[in-house]
Protein backbone atom coordinates (compact mmCIF):
# COMPACT_ATOMS: atom_id res chain seq x y z
CA MET A 1 -35.99 -54.79 -63.33
CA GLY A 2 -38.00 -53.80 -66.38
CA ARG A 3 -38.61 -57.43 -67.30
CA ILE A 4 -39.97 -58.18 -63.82
CA LEU A 5 -42.37 -55.24 -64.03
CA LEU A 6 -43.47 -56.37 -67.50
CA ILE A 7 -44.15 -59.90 -66.22
CA ALA A 8 -46.06 -58.51 -63.21
CA ALA A 9 -48.14 -56.27 -65.49
CA ALA A 10 -48.86 -59.24 -67.79
CA VAL A 11 -49.98 -61.32 -64.79
CA VAL A 12 -52.28 -58.53 -63.58
CA VAL A 13 -53.80 -58.10 -67.06
CA GLY A 14 -54.18 -61.88 -67.30
CA PHE A 15 -56.10 -61.94 -64.03
CA PHE A 16 -58.35 -59.12 -65.22
CA LEU A 17 -59.08 -60.98 -68.46
CA LEU A 18 -59.60 -64.26 -66.63
CA GLY A 19 -62.01 -62.59 -64.22
CA SER A 20 -64.05 -61.04 -67.01
CA VAL A 21 -64.15 -64.31 -68.97
CA ILE A 22 -65.21 -66.28 -65.88
CA GLY A 23 -67.85 -63.62 -65.12
CA LEU A 24 -69.16 -63.88 -68.69
CA ILE A 25 -69.32 -67.68 -68.48
CA PHE A 26 -71.15 -67.62 -65.15
CA GLY A 27 -73.50 -64.91 -66.41
CA ALA A 28 -74.37 -67.02 -69.46
CA LEU A 29 -74.78 -70.10 -67.25
CA LYS A 30 -77.13 -68.15 -64.99
CA TRP A 31 -79.32 -67.13 -67.93
CA VAL A 32 -79.31 -70.70 -69.32
CA LEU A 33 -80.48 -72.00 -65.94
CA ILE A 34 -83.19 -69.31 -65.69
CA ILE A 35 -84.47 -70.04 -69.21
CA GLY A 36 -84.34 -73.78 -68.54
CA ALA A 37 -86.33 -73.38 -65.31
CA ILE A 38 -88.95 -71.27 -67.11
CA ALA A 39 -89.21 -73.86 -69.90
CA LEU A 40 -89.58 -76.65 -67.34
CA ILE A 41 -92.32 -74.77 -65.47
CA VAL A 42 -94.18 -74.05 -68.72
CA SER A 43 -93.91 -77.68 -69.77
CA VAL A 44 -95.24 -78.91 -66.41
CA VAL A 45 -98.11 -76.42 -66.51
CA LEU A 46 -99.03 -77.42 -70.07
CA LYS A 47 -98.87 -81.10 -69.14
CA LEU A 48 -101.11 -80.51 -66.12
CA THR A 49 -103.63 -78.49 -68.11
CA ARG A 50 -103.70 -81.10 -70.89
CA SER A 51 -104.25 -83.96 -68.43
CA SER A 52 -106.97 -82.07 -66.54
CA ARG A 53 -108.64 -81.06 -69.80
CA SER A 54 -108.64 -84.63 -71.11
CA SER A 55 -110.04 -85.99 -67.83
CA HIS A 56 -112.92 -83.48 -67.99
CA TYR A 57 -113.95 -84.60 -71.47
CA SER A 58 -113.69 -88.36 -70.92
């Protein structure tokens, strides 16, 4: 009986750890996607401003 309870407790703790690790991974992935989107927007804006600036001077 004690061994079954120990296994059940280990499974519950494993699920808690797995949930926190998965949450951490998805949280990091969310921030990577946000930073990537910001970098993409900045790059597009800089490219547009450079092309419009060069067309004004030529």
